[in-house]
Amino acid sequence: AQVSGPAAGLALLDGVDVAHRADAVRAHLLEEAGRAAEAREFYLRAAARTGSGPERRYLQAKADRLSGDPTT
């Protein structure tokens, strides 16, 4: 994705489902592509699917940063 751009990375993720990690990668690539609302949805989905508390908080914070709410 870094060489070919976020759209190429997103295309590679189609059909891949490795729990929350694919959602987190998709969120990052969507964010890189300037698609913040979609990125936020996938960060939240990844946060809901992980079993790790620290990882959940990290992903939630990434989603909150994209919410457009300056208080988050």
N, C-alpha and C. Protein backbone atom coordinates (compact mmCIF):
# COMPACT_ATOMS: atom_id res chain seq x y z
N ALA A 1 0.82 -1.20 0.00
CA ALA A 1 0.00 0.00 0.00
C ALA A 1 0.86 1.26 0.00
N GLN A 2 2.02 1.19 0.65
CA GLN A 2 2.88 2.37 0.67
C GLN A 2 3.45 2.66 -0.71
N VAL A 3 3.66 1.63 -1.51
CA VAL A 3 4.22 1.82 -2.85
C VAL A 3 3.13 2.15 -3.85
N SER A 4 2.03 1.41 -3.81
CA SER A 4 0.97 1.56 -4.81
C SER A 4 -0.18 2.44 -4.35
N GLY A 5 -0.18 2.86 -3.09
CA GLY A 5 -1.23 3.72 -2.58
C GLY A 5 -2.29 2.96 -1.80
N PRO A 6 -3.10 3.69 -1.03
CA PRO A 6 -4.09 3.05 -0.18
C PRO A 6 -5.16 2.29 -0.96
N ALA A 7 -5.51 2.74 -2.15
CA ALA A 7 -6.54 2.04 -2.93
C ALA A 7 -6.09 0.63 -3.27
N ALA A 8 -4.81 0.47 -3.60
CA ALA A 8 -4.29 -0.87 -3.91
C ALA A 8 -4.32 -1.76 -2.68
N GLY A 9 -3.99 -1.20 -1.53
CA GLY A 9 -4.05 -1.97 -0.29
C GLY A 9 -5.46 -2.37 0.06
N LEU A 10 -6.41 -1.47 -0.16
CA LEU A 10 -7.82 -1.80 0.11
C LEU A 10 -8.29 -2.92 -0.80
N ALA A 11 -7.87 -2.91 -2.06
CA ALA A 11 -8.26 -3.97 -2.99
C ALA A 11 -7.71 -5.31 -2.54
N LEU A 12 -6.51 -5.34 -2.00
CA LEU A 12 -5.92 -6.59 -1.51
C LEU A 12 -6.67 -7.14 -0.30
N LEU A 13 -7.27 -6.26 0.48
CA LEU A 13 -7.98 -6.71 1.69
C LEU A 13 -9.36 -7.30 1.40
N ASP A 14 -9.90 -7.02 0.22
CA ASP A 14 -11.21 -7.57 -0.12
C ASP A 14 -11.15 -9.09 -0.04
N GLY A 15 -12.06 -9.66 0.70
CA GLY A 15 -12.11 -11.11 0.83
C GLY A 15 -11.23 -11.66 1.94
N VAL A 16 -10.47 -10.81 2.61
CA VAL A 16 -9.61 -11.26 3.70
C VAL A 16 -10.31 -10.95 5.02
N ASP A 17 -10.40 -11.93 5.87
CA ASP A 17 -11.00 -11.69 7.19
C ASP A 17 -10.18 -12.42 8.24
N VAL A 18 -9.29 -11.70 8.87
CA VAL A 18 -8.50 -12.26 9.95
C VAL A 18 -8.84 -11.49 11.23
N ALA A 19 -10.10 -11.59 11.57
CA ALA A 19 -10.64 -10.94 12.76
C ALA A 19 -10.41 -9.43 12.72
N HIS A 20 -10.03 -8.87 13.83
CA HIS A 20 -9.95 -7.42 13.95
C HIS A 20 -8.77 -6.82 13.20
N ARG A 21 -7.76 -7.60 12.94
CA ARG A 21 -6.56 -7.03 12.30
C ARG A 21 -6.85 -6.52 10.89
N ALA A 22 -7.62 -7.26 10.12
CA ALA A 22 -7.97 -6.79 8.77
C ALA A 22 -8.79 -5.50 8.86
N ASP A 23 -9.68 -5.43 9.84
CA ASP A 23 -10.47 -4.21 10.02
C ASP A 23 -9.57 -3.02 10.38
N ALA A 24 -8.57 -3.25 11.23
CA ALA A 24 -7.67 -2.18 11.62
C ALA A 24 -6.83 -1.71 10.43
N VAL A 25 -6.35 -2.65 9.63
CA VAL A 25 -5.57 -2.28 8.44
C VAL A 25 -6.45 -1.52 7.46
N ARG A 26 -7.66 -2.02 7.25
CA ARG A 26 -8.59 -1.34 6.34
C ARG A 26 -8.86 0.09 6.84
N ALA A 27 -9.06 0.24 8.14
CA ALA A 27 -9.29 1.57 8.71
C ALA A 27 -8.12 2.50 8.44
N HIS A 28 -6.91 2.00 8.65
CA HIS A 28 -5.72 2.81 8.41
C HIS A 28 -5.63 3.24 6.94
N LEU A 29 -5.87 2.30 6.03
CA LEU A 29 -5.78 2.63 4.61
C LEU A 29 -6.88 3.60 4.19
N LEU A 30 -8.07 3.44 4.74
CA LEU A 30 -9.15 4.39 4.45
C LEU A 30 -8.79 5.78 4.96
N GLU A 31 -8.18 5.82 6.15
CA GLU A 31 -7.75 7.11 6.69
C GLU A 31 -6.69 7.73 5.77
N GLU A 32 -5.74 6.94 5.31
CA GLU A 32 -4.71 7.43 4.40
C GLU A 32 -5.31 7.94 3.09
N ALA A 33 -6.42 7.33 2.68
CA ALA A 33 -7.09 7.72 1.43
C ALA A 33 -8.00 8.93 1.63
N GLY A 34 -8.08 9.44 2.86
CA GLY A 34 -8.91 10.61 3.12
C GLY A 34 -10.37 10.28 3.35
N ARG A 35 -10.66 9.03 3.63
CA ARG A 35 -12.05 8.59 3.83
C ARG A 35 -12.29 8.37 5.32
N ALA A 36 -12.29 9.49 6.07
CA ALA A 36 -12.30 9.46 7.53
C ALA A 36 -13.53 8.78 8.11
N ALA A 37 -14.70 9.04 7.59
CA ALA A 37 -15.92 8.45 8.15
C ALA A 37 -15.89 6.93 8.04
N GLU A 38 -15.46 6.43 6.89
CA GLU A 38 -15.36 4.98 6.71
C GLU A 38 -14.25 4.40 7.59
N ALA A 39 -13.14 5.12 7.70
CA ALA A 39 -12.04 4.67 8.55
C ALA A 39 -12.52 4.54 9.99
N ARG A 40 -13.27 5.52 10.45
CA ARG A 40 -13.77 5.49 11.82
C ARG A 40 -14.63 4.25 12.05
N GLU A 41 -15.49 3.92 11.10
CA GLU A 41 -16.35 2.74 11.24
C GLU A 41 -15.51 1.47 11.40
N PHE A 42 -14.44 1.35 10.62
CA PHE A 42 -13.62 0.15 10.70
C PHE A 42 -12.75 0.13 11.96
N TYR A 43 -12.30 1.30 12.45
CA TYR A 43 -11.59 1.32 13.73
C TYR A 43 -12.53 0.85 14.84
N LEU A 44 -13.77 1.30 14.81
CA LEU A 44 -14.74 0.88 15.83
C LEU A 44 -15.03 -0.62 15.72
N ARG A 45 -15.16 -1.12 14.51
CA ARG A 45 -15.40 -2.55 14.30
C ARG A 45 -14.22 -3.36 14.83
N ALA A 46 -13.00 -2.92 14.52
CA ALA A 46 -11.82 -3.62 15.01
C ALA A 46 -11.77 -3.59 16.53
N ALA A 47 -12.09 -2.45 17.12
CA ALA A 47 -12.08 -2.33 18.58
C ALA A 47 -13.08 -3.28 19.21
N ALA A 48 -14.23 -3.43 18.59
CA ALA A 48 -15.26 -4.32 19.13
C ALA A 48 -14.87 -5.79 19.01
N ARG A 49 -14.02 -6.12 18.05
CA ARG A 49 -13.69 -7.52 17.77
C ARG A 49 -12.43 -8.01 18.49
N THR A 50 -11.60 -7.11 19.01
CA THR A 50 -10.37 -7.56 19.66
C THR A 50 -10.65 -8.03 21.08
N GLY A 51 -9.84 -8.95 21.55
CA GLY A 51 -9.95 -9.42 22.92
C GLY A 51 -8.98 -8.73 23.86
N SER A 52 -8.18 -7.82 23.33
CA SER A 52 -7.15 -7.14 24.11
C SER A 52 -7.64 -5.76 24.56
N GLY A 53 -7.63 -5.53 25.86
CA GLY A 53 -8.05 -4.24 26.39
C GLY A 53 -7.21 -3.08 25.88
N PRO A 54 -5.87 -3.18 25.96
CA PRO A 54 -5.05 -2.08 25.44
C PRO A 54 -5.26 -1.82 23.95
N GLU A 55 -5.40 -2.90 23.19
CA GLU A 55 -5.62 -2.73 21.75
C GLU A 55 -6.98 -2.09 21.49
N ARG A 56 -7.99 -2.49 22.27
CA ARG A 56 -9.33 -1.90 22.13
C ARG A 56 -9.28 -0.40 22.40
N ARG A 57 -8.58 -0.01 23.46
CA ARG A 57 -8.48 1.41 23.79
C ARG A 57 -7.74 2.19 22.70
N TYR A 58 -6.70 1.60 22.15
CA TYR A 58 -5.95 2.25 21.08
C TYR A 58 -6.84 2.45 19.85
N LEU A 59 -7.55 1.40 19.44
CA LEU A 59 -8.41 1.49 18.26
C LEU A 59 -9.56 2.47 18.50
N GLN A 60 -10.10 2.46 19.70
CA GLN A 60 -11.17 3.40 20.05
C GLN A 60 -10.66 4.84 19.97
N ALA A 61 -9.43 5.05 20.45
CA ALA A 61 -8.84 6.40 20.39
C ALA A 61 -8.64 6.84 18.94
N LYS A 62 -8.23 5.91 18.08
CA LYS A 62 -8.07 6.24 16.65
C LYS A 62 -9.43 6.64 16.07
N ALA A 63 -10.48 5.91 16.42
CA ALA A 63 -11.82 6.23 15.93
C ALA A 63 -12.28 7.57 16.47
N ASP A 64 -12.05 7.80 17.75
CA ASP A 64 -12.47 9.06 18.37
C ASP A 64 -11.79 10.25 17.71
N ARG A 65 -10.54 10.09 17.34
CA ARG A 65 -9.79 11.17 16.69
C ARG A 65 -10.42 11.55 15.35
N LEU A 66 -11.10 10.60 14.72
CA LEU A 66 -11.73 10.86 13.42
C LEU A 66 -13.18 11.29 13.54
N SER A 67 -13.68 11.41 14.76
CA SER A 67 -15.10 11.69 14.96
C SER A 67 -15.48 13.12 14.58
N GLY A 68 -14.50 14.01 14.52
CA GLY A 68 -14.81 15.40 14.23
C GLY A 68 -15.23 16.17 15.46
N ASP A 69 -15.29 15.49 16.60
CA ASP A 69 -15.65 16.13 17.86
C ASP A 69 -14.37 16.58 18.55
N PRO A 70 -14.16 17.87 18.71
CA PRO A 70 -12.91 18.36 19.30
C PRO A 70 -12.72 17.97 20.76
N THR A 71 -13.75 17.47 21.43
CA THR A 71 -13.63 17.09 22.83
C THR A 71 -13.12 15.68 23.00
N THR A 72 -12.98 14.91 21.90
CA THR A 72 -12.52 13.53 22.03
C THR A 72 -11.07 13.41 21.65
